[in-house]
Amino acid sequence: MRIKNGTRPKAEILENLTAFGFLAAVDLYDRGYDLILFFGGTIKGQVIPCLLASPHLETFKVTDKKARVIATQDSVELNEEPGYKALLEAIYKPSEAKS
């Protein structure tokens, strides 16, 4: 079984997601809110219009163009999708195996 090992620091999340072409809006985070917005990235061929990340809560939401949530950190049905795996790796610290 794989377990999450917490979120990466803000700077790493920004670096990792901007490498996928996302534009980041950190103004809310910098004002004390646990929210970083990312817009217009492409991960493993999957276009992601909007991503909302809450590093301290260790959560994220991916939305479509109509602001409907299409994925979260708990979307286990997507675990085998390359884009979802890459997104998890961009946001979370490397996981460790647990028997």
N, C-alpha and C. Protein backbone atom coordinates (compact mmCIF):
# COMPACT_ATOMS: atom_id res chain seq x y z
N MET A 1 0.85 -1.19 0.00
CA MET A 1 0.00 0.00 0.00
C MET A 1 0.89 1.24 0.00
N ARG A 2 0.55 2.25 -0.81
CA ARG A 2 1.31 3.50 -0.86
C ARG A 2 0.64 4.52 0.03
N ILE A 3 1.43 5.30 0.73
CA ILE A 3 0.87 6.34 1.59
C ILE A 3 1.46 7.69 1.21
N LYS A 4 0.69 8.73 1.43
CA LYS A 4 1.18 10.08 1.18
C LYS A 4 2.11 10.47 2.32
N ASN A 5 3.07 11.29 2.00
CA ASN A 5 4.06 11.70 2.97
C ASN A 5 4.01 13.21 3.20
N GLY A 6 2.82 13.80 3.05
CA GLY A 6 2.66 15.24 3.22
C GLY A 6 2.94 16.00 1.94
N THR A 7 2.54 17.25 1.92
CA THR A 7 2.76 18.07 0.73
C THR A 7 4.18 18.62 0.71
N ARG A 8 4.61 18.94 -0.46
CA ARG A 8 5.92 19.58 -0.64
C ARG A 8 5.82 21.03 -0.15
N PRO A 9 6.95 21.67 0.09
CA PRO A 9 6.92 23.09 0.43
C PRO A 9 6.35 23.90 -0.75
N LYS A 10 5.81 25.07 -0.43
CA LYS A 10 5.20 25.94 -1.43
C LYS A 10 6.12 26.15 -2.63
N ALA A 11 7.38 26.45 -2.40
CA ALA A 11 8.30 26.73 -3.50
C ALA A 11 8.45 25.54 -4.44
N GLU A 12 8.48 24.33 -3.90
CA GLU A 12 8.59 23.14 -4.74
C GLU A 12 7.31 22.90 -5.54
N ILE A 13 6.16 23.10 -4.91
CA ILE A 13 4.89 22.94 -5.63
C ILE A 13 4.84 23.93 -6.79
N LEU A 14 5.20 25.18 -6.53
CA LEU A 14 5.20 26.20 -7.59
C LEU A 14 6.15 25.81 -8.72
N GLU A 15 7.34 25.39 -8.37
CA GLU A 15 8.33 25.01 -9.38
C GLU A 15 7.83 23.82 -10.21
N ASN A 16 7.31 22.82 -9.53
CA ASN A 16 6.86 21.61 -10.22
C ASN A 16 5.68 21.89 -11.16
N LEU A 17 4.70 22.66 -10.68
CA LEU A 17 3.52 22.89 -11.51
C LEU A 17 3.76 23.93 -12.61
N THR A 18 4.59 24.93 -12.36
CA THR A 18 4.89 25.87 -13.45
C THR A 18 5.69 25.18 -14.55
N ALA A 19 6.41 24.11 -14.22
CA ALA A 19 7.12 23.34 -15.24
C ALA A 19 6.14 22.66 -16.20
N PHE A 20 4.89 22.44 -15.77
CA PHE A 20 3.84 21.88 -16.62
C PHE A 20 3.07 22.98 -17.35
N GLY A 21 3.53 24.21 -17.25
CA GLY A 21 2.91 25.30 -17.98
C GLY A 21 1.83 26.06 -17.21
N PHE A 22 1.61 25.71 -15.95
CA PHE A 22 0.61 26.43 -15.16
C PHE A 22 1.06 27.85 -14.85
N LEU A 23 0.11 28.75 -14.83
CA LEU A 23 0.32 30.08 -14.29
C LEU A 23 -0.17 30.01 -12.85
N ALA A 24 0.60 30.55 -11.92
CA ALA A 24 0.25 30.46 -10.50
C ALA A 24 -0.19 31.81 -9.96
N ALA A 25 -1.21 31.76 -9.11
CA ALA A 25 -1.68 32.94 -8.39
C ALA A 25 -1.50 32.65 -6.90
N VAL A 26 -0.55 33.34 -6.28
CA VAL A 26 -0.22 33.07 -4.87
C VAL A 26 -0.68 34.19 -3.94
N ASP A 27 -1.38 35.18 -4.46
CA ASP A 27 -1.73 36.33 -3.64
C ASP A 27 -2.59 35.94 -2.43
N LEU A 28 -3.53 35.03 -2.59
CA LEU A 28 -4.33 34.61 -1.44
C LEU A 28 -3.47 33.88 -0.40
N TYR A 29 -2.59 33.02 -0.88
CA TYR A 29 -1.69 32.29 0.02
C TYR A 29 -0.81 33.27 0.80
N ASP A 30 -0.28 34.24 0.08
CA ASP A 30 0.61 35.23 0.72
C ASP A 30 -0.12 36.12 1.72
N ARG A 31 -1.46 36.18 1.62
CA ARG A 31 -2.25 36.96 2.58
C ARG A 31 -2.77 36.10 3.73
N GLY A 32 -2.30 34.85 3.81
CA GLY A 32 -2.64 34.00 4.94
C GLY A 32 -3.67 32.91 4.66
N TYR A 33 -4.19 32.86 3.45
CA TYR A 33 -5.14 31.80 3.10
C TYR A 33 -4.37 30.57 2.62
N ASP A 34 -4.87 29.41 2.92
CA ASP A 34 -4.22 28.18 2.49
C ASP A 34 -4.72 27.80 1.10
N LEU A 35 -4.39 28.61 0.11
CA LEU A 35 -4.89 28.38 -1.23
C LEU A 35 -3.93 28.96 -2.27
N ILE A 36 -3.52 28.10 -3.19
CA ILE A 36 -2.74 28.54 -4.35
C ILE A 36 -3.54 28.11 -5.57
N LEU A 37 -3.74 29.04 -6.48
CA LEU A 37 -4.49 28.77 -7.71
C LEU A 37 -3.51 28.58 -8.87
N PHE A 38 -3.79 27.60 -9.69
CA PHE A 38 -2.98 27.33 -10.88
C PHE A 38 -3.92 27.26 -12.07
N PHE A 39 -3.49 27.87 -13.19
CA PHE A 39 -4.34 27.94 -14.37
C PHE A 39 -3.59 27.45 -15.61
N GLY A 40 -4.29 26.67 -16.43
CA GLY A 40 -3.85 26.36 -17.79
C GLY A 40 -2.62 25.50 -17.95
N GLY A 41 -2.51 24.42 -17.20
CA GLY A 41 -1.37 23.53 -17.36
C GLY A 41 -1.73 22.29 -18.15
N THR A 42 -0.71 21.59 -18.61
CA THR A 42 -0.89 20.32 -19.31
C THR A 42 0.06 19.30 -18.70
N ILE A 43 -0.53 18.22 -18.20
CA ILE A 43 0.27 17.17 -17.57
C ILE A 43 0.03 15.87 -18.32
N LYS A 44 1.09 15.32 -18.90
CA LYS A 44 1.01 14.05 -19.64
C LYS A 44 -0.12 14.08 -20.66
N GLY A 45 -0.26 15.20 -21.38
CA GLY A 45 -1.26 15.34 -22.42
C GLY A 45 -2.65 15.73 -21.93
N GLN A 46 -2.84 15.79 -20.63
CA GLN A 46 -4.14 16.16 -20.06
C GLN A 46 -4.15 17.64 -19.73
N VAL A 47 -5.02 18.40 -20.39
CA VAL A 47 -5.14 19.84 -20.13
C VAL A 47 -5.93 20.03 -18.85
N ILE A 48 -5.40 20.85 -17.96
CA ILE A 48 -6.06 21.14 -16.68
C ILE A 48 -6.32 22.64 -16.63
N PRO A 49 -7.60 23.04 -16.78
CA PRO A 49 -7.93 24.47 -16.78
C PRO A 49 -7.63 25.16 -15.45
N CYS A 50 -7.95 24.49 -14.34
CA CYS A 50 -7.79 25.13 -13.04
C CYS A 50 -7.48 24.09 -11.97
N LEU A 51 -6.52 24.42 -11.13
CA LEU A 51 -6.13 23.56 -10.01
C LEU A 51 -6.07 24.43 -8.77
N LEU A 52 -6.75 24.01 -7.72
CA LEU A 52 -6.73 24.72 -6.45
C LEU A 52 -5.99 23.84 -5.45
N ALA A 53 -4.90 24.32 -4.90
CA ALA A 53 -4.10 23.54 -3.96
C ALA A 53 -4.10 24.20 -2.59
N SER A 54 -4.28 23.38 -1.56
CA SER A 54 -4.21 23.83 -0.17
C SER A 54 -3.10 23.05 0.52
N PRO A 55 -1.87 23.58 0.49
CA PRO A 55 -0.74 22.83 1.02
C PRO A 55 -0.87 22.41 2.48
N HIS A 56 -1.37 23.28 3.33
CA HIS A 56 -1.45 22.93 4.75
C HIS A 56 -2.51 21.88 5.03
N LEU A 57 -3.59 21.90 4.26
CA LEU A 57 -4.64 20.88 4.41
C LEU A 57 -4.31 19.61 3.62
N GLU A 58 -3.24 19.68 2.81
CA GLU A 58 -2.79 18.57 1.98
C GLU A 58 -3.88 18.12 1.00
N THR A 59 -4.58 19.09 0.41
CA THR A 59 -5.65 18.77 -0.52
C THR A 59 -5.47 19.56 -1.82
N PHE A 60 -6.15 19.10 -2.86
CA PHE A 60 -6.23 19.85 -4.10
C PHE A 60 -7.53 19.47 -4.82
N LYS A 61 -7.95 20.35 -5.70
CA LYS A 61 -9.11 20.10 -6.55
C LYS A 61 -8.74 20.52 -7.97
N VAL A 62 -9.08 19.70 -8.92
CA VAL A 62 -8.93 20.02 -10.34
C VAL A 62 -10.34 20.29 -10.86
N THR A 63 -10.50 21.41 -11.55
CA THR A 63 -11.81 21.74 -12.10
C THR A 63 -11.74 21.88 -13.61
N ASP A 64 -12.91 21.71 -14.23
CA ASP A 64 -13.01 21.93 -15.67
C ASP A 64 -13.30 23.42 -15.91
N LYS A 65 -13.54 23.77 -17.15
CA LYS A 65 -13.77 25.18 -17.51
C LYS A 65 -15.04 25.76 -16.90
N LYS A 66 -15.96 24.89 -16.49
CA LYS A 66 -17.21 25.35 -15.86
C LYS A 66 -17.14 25.27 -14.34
N ALA A 67 -15.94 25.13 -13.80
CA ALA A 67 -15.68 25.09 -12.35
C ALA A 67 -16.26 23.84 -11.68
N ARG A 68 -16.50 22.79 -12.44
CA ARG A 68 -16.93 21.52 -11.86
C ARG A 68 -15.70 20.73 -11.44
N VAL A 69 -15.71 20.19 -10.23
CA VAL A 69 -14.59 19.41 -9.73
C VAL A 69 -14.54 18.08 -10.49
N ILE A 70 -13.38 17.80 -11.08
CA ILE A 70 -13.22 16.55 -11.83
C ILE A 70 -12.21 15.61 -11.19
N ALA A 71 -11.42 16.11 -10.23
CA ALA A 71 -10.47 15.27 -9.52
C ALA A 71 -10.04 15.95 -8.23
N THR A 72 -9.70 15.13 -7.24
CA THR A 72 -9.16 15.61 -5.98
C THR A 72 -8.04 14.67 -5.56
N GLN A 73 -7.45 14.94 -4.42
CA GLN A 73 -6.40 14.07 -3.88
C GLN A 73 -6.94 12.68 -3.55
N ASP A 74 -8.25 12.52 -3.47
CA ASP A 74 -8.87 11.24 -3.12
C ASP A 74 -9.46 10.49 -4.31
N SER A 75 -9.13 10.90 -5.53
CA SER A 75 -9.70 10.28 -6.73
C SER A 75 -8.97 8.98 -7.06
N VAL A 76 -9.20 7.96 -6.24
CA VAL A 76 -8.49 6.68 -6.38
C VAL A 76 -8.75 6.02 -7.74
N GLU A 77 -9.88 6.33 -8.37
CA GLU A 77 -10.16 5.74 -9.67
C GLU A 77 -9.18 6.23 -10.74
N LEU A 78 -8.44 7.29 -10.43
CA LEU A 78 -7.46 7.85 -11.37
C LEU A 78 -6.02 7.42 -11.07
N ASN A 79 -5.83 6.58 -10.07
CA ASN A 79 -4.48 6.22 -9.62
C ASN A 79 -3.58 5.69 -10.72
N GLU A 80 -4.13 5.04 -11.74
CA GLU A 80 -3.30 4.49 -12.82
C GLU A 80 -3.13 5.45 -13.99
N GLU A 81 -3.76 6.61 -13.94
CA GLU A 81 -3.62 7.60 -15.01
C GLU A 81 -2.29 8.33 -14.87
N PRO A 82 -1.48 8.36 -15.95
CA PRO A 82 -0.17 9.01 -15.86
C PRO A 82 -0.23 10.48 -15.43
N GLY A 83 -1.22 11.22 -15.93
CA GLY A 83 -1.34 12.63 -15.56
C GLY A 83 -1.66 12.82 -14.09
N TYR A 84 -2.49 11.96 -13.55
CA TYR A 84 -2.86 12.04 -12.13
C TYR A 84 -1.65 11.69 -11.25
N LYS A 85 -0.92 10.66 -11.65
CA LYS A 85 0.29 10.29 -10.91
C LYS A 85 1.29 11.44 -10.90
N ALA A 86 1.48 12.07 -12.06
CA ALA A 86 2.42 13.19 -12.15
C ALA A 86 1.96 14.37 -11.29
N LEU A 87 0.65 14.60 -11.24
CA LEU A 87 0.12 15.67 -10.40
C LEU A 87 0.38 15.38 -8.93
N LEU A 88 0.14 14.15 -8.50
CA LEU A 88 0.42 13.78 -7.11
C LEU A 88 1.89 13.97 -6.78
N GLU A 89 2.76 13.56 -7.71
CA GLU A 89 4.20 13.69 -7.48
C GLU A 89 4.62 15.16 -7.42
N ALA A 90 3.94 16.02 -8.15
CA ALA A 90 4.27 17.45 -8.14
C ALA A 90 3.87 18.12 -6.83
N ILE A 91 2.82 17.64 -6.20
CA ILE A 91 2.29 18.28 -5.00
C ILE A 91 2.77 17.62 -3.71
N TYR A 92 2.88 16.30 -3.71
CA TYR A 92 3.20 15.58 -2.48
C TYR A 92 4.66 15.12 -2.45
N LYS A 93 5.20 15.02 -1.24
CA LYS A 93 6.53 14.45 -1.05
C LYS A 93 6.49 12.99 -1.49
N PRO A 94 7.64 12.44 -1.85
CA PRO A 94 7.66 11.02 -2.27
C PRO A 94 7.03 10.14 -1.19
N SER A 95 6.22 9.18 -1.66
CA SER A 95 5.58 8.27 -0.72
C SER A 95 6.52 7.11 -0.42
N GLU A 96 6.17 6.41 0.62
CA GLU A 96 6.97 5.25 0.99
C GLU A 96 6.05 4.05 1.09
N ALA A 97 6.62 2.89 0.85
CA ALA A 97 5.81 1.67 0.91
C ALA A 97 5.52 1.31 2.36
N LYS A 98 4.32 0.82 2.57
CA LYS A 98 3.91 0.36 3.90
C LYS A 98 3.29 -1.01 3.72
N SER A 99 3.77 -1.98 4.47
CA SER A 99 3.24 -3.33 4.32
C SER A 99 2.12 -3.62 5.29
